[in-house]
Amino acid sequence: MLPLKFRTATEADIPALVALVTSAYRGDASRVGWTTEADLLDGQRIDPEVLRQDILRPRSTVLIAERGGSDPKAGELVACAHVATDGDAGYFGMFSVRPHIQGGGLGKAVLAEAERIVRDDWRLPVMRMTVIDVRDELIGFYERRGYRRTGTFKPFPYGDARFGIPLRDDLRFEVLEKAL
């Protein structure tokens, strides 16, 4: 796995974050990795203004993973995630890894750091997330890391292009959670 350095995003990171998140989920570039949603959704994956609000909101962190160490590309943005408080739990979302380096353990390291923030810094006992319920491979990834399906579903925001343009009419989110 690449040596990593974690930091908190600032407003100056918004263009690079939008590009990273889009590359991991939308269009042909996303098909290089296994997290693509290109057959489910078109359009943008993250709205820059929503991202700005996530960066500025209290008890909300957009976590950035950069290449670290003596790597010639040290400082390059390679992954990110949004971590926030959601009532009595942490919330994990916007999880993105550059498609061409997915599958090498980088995502596991980012998820572990996000869980550490929620457990140790914010002292919350649970991490929650929402995943499109037809994403079986992705749900399996989280289940192997201790998350469980709750059976709680949330509607997909059809008609709100800030979150993408659905290519199917059966999309919904399932809530996953893990005790920390």
C-alpha atoms as a PDB file:
ATOM      1  CA  MET A   1       0.000   0.000   0.000  1.00  0.00           C
ATOM      2  CA  LEU A   2       1.075   3.575  -0.631  1.00  0.00           C
ATOM      3  CA  PRO A   3       2.473   5.539   2.312  1.00  0.00           C
ATOM      4  CA  LEU A   4      -0.296   7.949   3.343  1.00  0.00           C
ATOM      5  CA  LYS A   5      -0.673  11.276   5.056  1.00  0.00           C
ATOM      6  CA  PHE A   6      -4.116  12.347   6.295  1.00  0.00           C
ATOM      7  CA  ARG A   7      -5.347  15.913   6.593  1.00  0.00           C
ATOM      8  CA  THR A   8      -8.585  17.867   6.779  1.00  0.00           C
ATOM      9  CA  ALA A   9      -9.849  19.474   3.568  1.00  0.00           C
ATOM     10  CA  THR A  10     -10.177  23.211   3.147  1.00  0.00           C
ATOM     11  CA  GLU A  11     -12.243  25.229   0.691  1.00  0.00           C
ATOM     12  CA  ALA A  12      -9.163  25.403  -1.554  1.00  0.00           C
ATOM     13  CA  ASP A  13      -9.423  21.617  -2.019  1.00  0.00           C
ATOM     14  CA  ILE A  14     -12.957  21.694  -3.458  1.00  0.00           C
ATOM     15  CA  PRO A  15     -12.029  21.529  -7.193  1.00  0.00           C
ATOM     16  CA  ALA A  16      -9.624  18.609  -6.631  1.00  0.00           C
ATOM     17  CA  LEU A  17     -12.137  16.793  -4.419  1.00  0.00           C
ATOM     18  CA  VAL A  18     -14.943  17.181  -6.972  1.00  0.00           C
ATOM     19  CA  ALA A  19     -12.630  15.761  -9.655  1.00  0.00           C
ATOM     20  CA  LEU A  20     -11.571  12.815  -7.455  1.00  0.00           C
ATOM     21  CA  VAL A  21     -15.104  11.910  -6.373  1.00  0.00           C
ATOM     22  CA  THR A  22     -16.387  12.180  -9.937  1.00  0.00           C
ATOM     23  CA  SER A  23     -13.568   9.985 -11.269  1.00  0.00           C
ATOM     24  CA  ALA A  24     -14.358   7.269  -8.722  1.00  0.00           C
ATOM     25  CA  TYR A  25     -18.090   7.054  -9.476  1.00  0.00           C
ATOM     26  CA  ARG A  26     -19.083   8.570 -12.817  1.00  0.00           C
ATOM     27  CA  GLY A  27     -18.249   8.160 -16.477  1.00  0.00           C
ATOM     28  CA  ASP A  28     -15.775   5.918 -18.259  1.00  0.00           C
ATOM     29  CA  ALA A  29     -12.851   6.872 -15.998  1.00  0.00           C
ATOM     30  CA  SER A  30     -14.687   5.299 -13.051  1.00  0.00           C
ATOM     31  CA  ARG A  31     -14.924   1.943 -14.832  1.00  0.00           C
ATOM     32  CA  VAL A  32     -11.194   1.363 -14.201  1.00  0.00           C
ATOM     33  CA  GLY A  33     -12.032   0.803 -10.522  1.00  0.00           C
ATOM     34  CA  TRP A  34     -14.688  -1.332  -8.899  1.00  0.00           C
ATOM     35  CA  THR A  35     -16.664   1.468  -7.191  1.00  0.00           C
ATOM     36  CA  THR A  36     -18.235   2.849 -10.356  1.00  0.00           C
ATOM     37  CA  GLU A  37     -21.883   3.864 -10.376  1.00  0.00           C
ATOM     38  CA  ALA A  38     -21.752   4.658 -14.113  1.00  0.00           C
ATOM     39  CA  ASP A  39     -24.464   2.109 -14.928  1.00  0.00           C
ATOM     40  CA  LEU A  40     -26.740   3.484 -12.202  1.00  0.00           C
ATOM     41  CA  LEU A  41     -26.227   7.239 -12.308  1.00  0.00           C
ATOM     42  CA  ASP A  42     -25.014   9.955 -14.636  1.00  0.00           C
ATOM     43  CA  GLY A  43     -24.199  13.580 -13.943  1.00  0.00           C
ATOM     44  CA  GLN A  44     -22.291  14.877 -10.959  1.00  0.00           C
ATOM     45  CA  ARG A  45     -21.567  12.850  -7.817  1.00  0.00           C
ATOM     46  CA  ILE A  46     -20.913  15.794  -5.510  1.00  0.00           C
ATOM     47  CA  ASP A  47     -22.122  19.348  -5.687  1.00  0.00           C
ATOM     48  CA  PRO A  48     -19.348  21.892  -4.927  1.00  0.00           C
ATOM     49  CA  GLU A  49     -21.638  23.971  -2.686  1.00  0.00           C
ATOM     50  CA  VAL A  50     -22.759  20.907  -0.699  1.00  0.00           C
ATOM     51  CA  LEU A  51     -19.083  19.995  -0.325  1.00  0.00           C
ATOM     52  CA  ARG A  52     -18.261  23.528   0.869  1.00  0.00           C
ATOM     53  CA  GLN A  53     -20.986  23.250   3.514  1.00  0.00           C
ATOM     54  CA  ASP A  54     -19.591  19.869   4.644  1.00  0.00           C
ATOM     55  CA  ILE A  55     -16.105  21.395   5.003  1.00  0.00           C
ATOM     56  CA  LEU A  56     -17.336  24.384   7.016  1.00  0.00           C
ATOM     57  CA  ARG A  57     -19.940  22.680   9.224  1.00  0.00           C
ATOM     58  CA  PRO A  58     -19.037  21.943  12.864  1.00  0.00           C
ATOM     59  CA  ARG A  59     -18.494  18.245  13.700  1.00  0.00           C
ATOM     60  CA  SER A  60     -17.943  17.512  10.019  1.00  0.00           C
ATOM     61  CA  THR A  61     -14.613  16.640   8.430  1.00  0.00           C
ATOM     62  CA  VAL A  62     -13.738  15.977   4.835  1.00  0.00           C
ATOM     63  CA  LEU A  63     -10.783  13.672   5.262  1.00  0.00           C
ATOM     64  CA  ILE A  64      -8.085  13.752   2.588  1.00  0.00           C
ATOM     65  CA  ALA A  65      -5.514  11.022   2.041  1.00  0.00           C
ATOM     66  CA  GLU A  66      -2.395  12.104   0.168  1.00  0.00           C
ATOM     67  CA  ARG A  67       0.635  10.149  -0.928  1.00  0.00           C
ATOM     68  CA  GLY A  68       3.167  10.467   1.838  1.00  0.00           C
ATOM     69  CA  GLY A  69       6.747   9.580   2.600  1.00  0.00           C
ATOM     70  CA  SER A  70       9.432   9.883  -0.037  1.00  0.00           C
ATOM     71  CA  ASP A  71       7.096   8.899  -2.889  1.00  0.00           C
ATOM     72  CA  PRO A  72       7.917  11.062  -5.951  1.00  0.00           C
ATOM     73  CA  LYS A  73       4.216  11.994  -6.033  1.00  0.00           C
ATOM     74  CA  ALA A  74       4.079  12.894  -2.317  1.00  0.00           C
ATOM     75  CA  GLY A  75       1.219  15.280  -1.627  1.00  0.00           C
ATOM     76  CA  GLU A  76      -0.991  13.923  -4.432  1.00  0.00           C
ATOM     77  CA  LEU A  77      -4.644  13.536  -3.422  1.00  0.00           C
ATOM     78  CA  VAL A  78      -5.462   9.816  -3.676  1.00  0.00           C
ATOM     79  CA  ALA A  79      -8.578   9.324  -1.536  1.00  0.00           C
ATOM     80  CA  CYS A  80     -11.164  11.133   0.555  1.00  0.00           C
ATOM     81  CA  ALA A  81     -14.204  10.621   2.732  1.00  0.00           C
ATOM     82  CA  HIS A  82     -16.720  12.756   4.573  1.00  0.00           C
ATOM     83  CA  VAL A  83     -17.141  12.081   8.282  1.00  0.00           C
ATOM     84  CA  ALA A  84     -19.748  13.907  10.366  1.00  0.00           C
ATOM     85  CA  THR A  85     -21.897  13.526  13.421  1.00  0.00           C
ATOM     86  CA  ASP A  86     -25.421  12.261  12.846  1.00  0.00           C
ATOM     87  CA  GLY A  87     -27.218  12.399  16.174  1.00  0.00           C
ATOM     88  CA  ASP A  88     -25.575   9.838  18.447  1.00  0.00           C
ATOM     89  CA  ALA A  89     -23.475   8.294  15.667  1.00  0.00           C
ATOM     90  CA  GLY A  90     -20.801   9.141  13.162  1.00  0.00           C
ATOM     91  CA  TYR A  91     -21.728   9.291   9.485  1.00  0.00           C
ATOM     92  CA  PHE A  92     -19.385   8.117   6.717  1.00  0.00           C
ATOM     93  CA  GLY A  93     -19.878   9.124   3.084  1.00  0.00           C
ATOM     94  CA  MET A  94     -18.330  10.507  -0.112  1.00  0.00           C
ATOM     95  CA  PHE A  95     -15.753   7.714   0.102  1.00  0.00           C
ATOM     96  CA  SER A  96     -13.543   7.882  -2.975  1.00  0.00           C
ATOM     97  CA  VAL A  97     -10.258   6.333  -4.075  1.00  0.00           C
ATOM     98  CA  ARG A  98      -8.576   7.056  -7.398  1.00  0.00           C
ATOM     99  CA  PRO A  99      -9.847   4.278  -9.687  1.00  0.00           C
ATOM    100  CA  HIS A 100      -6.434   3.146 -10.974  1.00  0.00           C
ATOM    101  CA  ILE A 101      -5.173   2.422  -7.427  1.00  0.00           C
ATOM    102  CA  GLN A 102      -8.299   0.804  -5.963  1.00  0.00           C
ATOM    103  CA  GLY A 103      -7.925  -2.671  -4.508  1.00  0.00           C
ATOM    104  CA  GLY A 104      -4.551  -2.079  -2.838  1.00  0.00           C
ATOM    105  CA  GLY A 105      -5.668  -1.437   0.745  1.00  0.00           C
ATOM    106  CA  LEU A 106      -5.904   2.335   0.512  1.00  0.00           C
ATOM    107  CA  GLY A 107      -9.664   2.384   1.072  1.00  0.00           C
ATOM    108  CA  LYS A 108      -9.353   0.192   4.160  1.00  0.00           C
ATOM    109  CA  ALA A 109      -6.838   2.669   5.615  1.00  0.00           C
ATOM    110  CA  VAL A 110      -9.125   5.652   4.937  1.00  0.00           C
ATOM    111  CA  LEU A 111     -12.108   3.862   6.482  1.00  0.00           C
ATOM    112  CA  ALA A 112     -10.016   2.971   9.554  1.00  0.00           C
ATOM    113  CA  GLU A 113      -8.936   6.614   9.970  1.00  0.00           C
ATOM    114  CA  ALA A 114     -12.548   7.799   9.653  1.00  0.00           C
ATOM    115  CA  GLU A 115     -13.609   5.277  12.306  1.00  0.00           C
ATOM    116  CA  ARG A 116     -10.762   6.465  14.556  1.00  0.00           C
ATOM    117  CA  ILE A 117     -11.964  10.077  14.291  1.00  0.00           C
ATOM    118  CA  VAL A 118     -15.522   9.109  15.221  1.00  0.00           C
ATOM    119  CA  ARG A 119     -14.503   6.746  18.037  1.00  0.00           C
ATOM    120  CA  ASP A 120     -11.520   8.565  19.587  1.00  0.00           C
ATOM    121  CA  ASP A 121     -11.953  12.258  18.748  1.00  0.00           C
ATOM    122  CA  TRP A 122     -15.746  12.548  18.854  1.00  0.00           C
ATOM    123  CA  ARG A 123     -16.359   9.677  21.319  1.00  0.00           C
ATOM    124  CA  LEU A 124     -19.295   8.257  19.374  1.00  0.00           C
ATOM    125  CA  PRO A 125     -20.121   4.543  19.670  1.00  0.00           C
ATOM    126  CA  VAL A 126     -21.416   3.836  16.152  1.00  0.00           C
ATOM    127  CA  MET A 127     -20.601   4.657  12.524  1.00  0.00           C
ATOM    128  CA  ARG A 128     -23.438   4.761   9.987  1.00  0.00           C
ATOM    129  CA  MET A 129     -23.527   5.121   6.245  1.00  0.00           C
ATOM    130  CA  THR A 130     -25.980   4.840   3.391  1.00  0.00           C
ATOM    131  CA  VAL A 131     -25.245   2.695   0.340  1.00  0.00           C
ATOM    132  CA  ILE A 132     -27.349   2.218  -2.771  1.00  0.00           C
ATOM    133  CA  ASP A 133     -28.874  -1.161  -1.980  1.00  0.00           C
ATOM    134  CA  VAL A 134     -28.207  -2.717  -5.403  1.00  0.00           C
ATOM    135  CA  ARG A 135     -24.444  -2.243  -4.856  1.00  0.00           C
ATOM    136  CA  ASP A 136     -23.901  -5.807  -3.565  1.00  0.00           C
ATOM    137  CA  GLU A 137     -20.116  -5.814  -4.056  1.00  0.00           C
ATOM    138  CA  LEU A 138     -19.741  -2.541  -2.167  1.00  0.00           C
ATOM    139  CA  ILE A 139     -22.032  -3.684   0.652  1.00  0.00           C
ATOM    140  CA  GLY A 140     -19.937  -6.870   0.863  1.00  0.00           C
ATOM    141  CA  PHE A 141     -16.781  -4.738   1.251  1.00  0.00           C
ATOM    142  CA  TYR A 142     -18.336  -2.963   4.229  1.00  0.00           C
ATOM    143  CA  GLU A 143     -19.703  -6.185   5.739  1.00  0.00           C
ATOM    144  CA  ARG A 144     -16.186  -7.657   5.704  1.00  0.00           C
ATOM    145  CA  ARG A 145     -15.140  -4.632   7.776  1.00  0.00           C
ATOM    146  CA  GLY A 146     -17.795  -5.215  10.429  1.00  0.00           C
ATOM    147  CA  TYR A 147     -20.725  -3.196   9.084  1.00  0.00           C
ATOM    148  CA  ARG A 148     -24.161  -4.746   9.117  1.00  0.00           C
ATOM    149  CA  ARG A 149     -27.254  -4.122   7.066  1.00  0.00           C
ATOM    150  CA  THR A 150     -29.906  -2.531   9.266  1.00  0.00           C
ATOM    151  CA  GLY A 151     -32.915  -3.096   7.016  1.00  0.00           C
ATOM    152  CA  THR A 152     -33.586   0.648   7.171  1.00  0.00           C
ATOM    153  CA  PHE A 153     -34.011   2.242   3.762  1.00  0.00           C
ATOM    154  CA  LYS A 154     -34.007   5.859   2.627  1.00  0.00           C
ATOM    155  CA  PRO A 155     -35.332   7.140  -0.696  1.00  0.00           C
ATOM    156  CA  PHE A 156     -32.958   8.181  -3.451  1.00  0.00           C
ATOM    157  CA  PRO A 157     -33.279  11.946  -4.127  1.00  0.00           C
ATOM    158  CA  TYR A 158     -34.861  11.590  -7.570  1.00  0.00           C
ATOM    159  CA  GLY A 159     -35.204  14.959  -9.263  1.00  0.00           C
ATOM    160  CA  ASP A 160     -32.262  16.548  -7.419  1.00  0.00           C
ATOM    161  CA  ALA A 161     -29.475  16.702 -10.027  1.00  0.00           C
ATOM    162  CA  ARG A 162     -26.977  17.758  -7.327  1.00  0.00           C
ATOM    163  CA  PHE A 163     -26.680  14.053  -6.517  1.00  0.00           C
ATOM    164  CA  GLY A 164     -26.721  12.649 -10.040  1.00  0.00           C
ATOM    165  CA  ILE A 165     -29.143  11.675 -12.734  1.00  0.00           C
ATOM    166  CA  PRO A 166     -30.585   8.193 -12.103  1.00  0.00           C
ATOM    167  CA  LEU A 167     -30.469   5.729 -14.986  1.00  0.00           C
ATOM    168  CA  ARG A 168     -32.863   3.364 -13.150  1.00  0.00           C
ATOM    169  CA  ASP A 169     -36.097   3.895 -11.271  1.00  0.00           C
ATOM    170  CA  ASP A 170     -35.439   1.398  -8.437  1.00  0.00           C
ATOM    171  CA  LEU A 171     -32.643   3.130  -6.518  1.00  0.00           C
ATOM    172  CA  ARG A 172     -32.772   3.554  -2.756  1.00  0.00           C
ATOM    173  CA  PHE A 173     -30.279   3.698   0.089  1.00  0.00           C
ATOM    174  CA  GLU A 174     -29.820   1.149   2.827  1.00  0.00           C
ATOM    175  CA  VAL A 175     -28.357   2.192   6.162  1.00  0.00           C
ATOM    176  CA  LEU A 176     -25.325   0.187   7.296  1.00  0.00           C
ATOM    177  CA  GLU A 177     -23.800   0.525  10.747  1.00  0.00           C
ATOM    178  CA  LYS A 178     -20.916  -0.662  12.862  1.00  0.00           C
ATOM    179  CA  ALA A 179     -20.359  -0.491  16.591  1.00  0.00           C
ATOM    180  CA  LEU A 180     -17.006   1.164  17.252  1.00  0.00           C
END
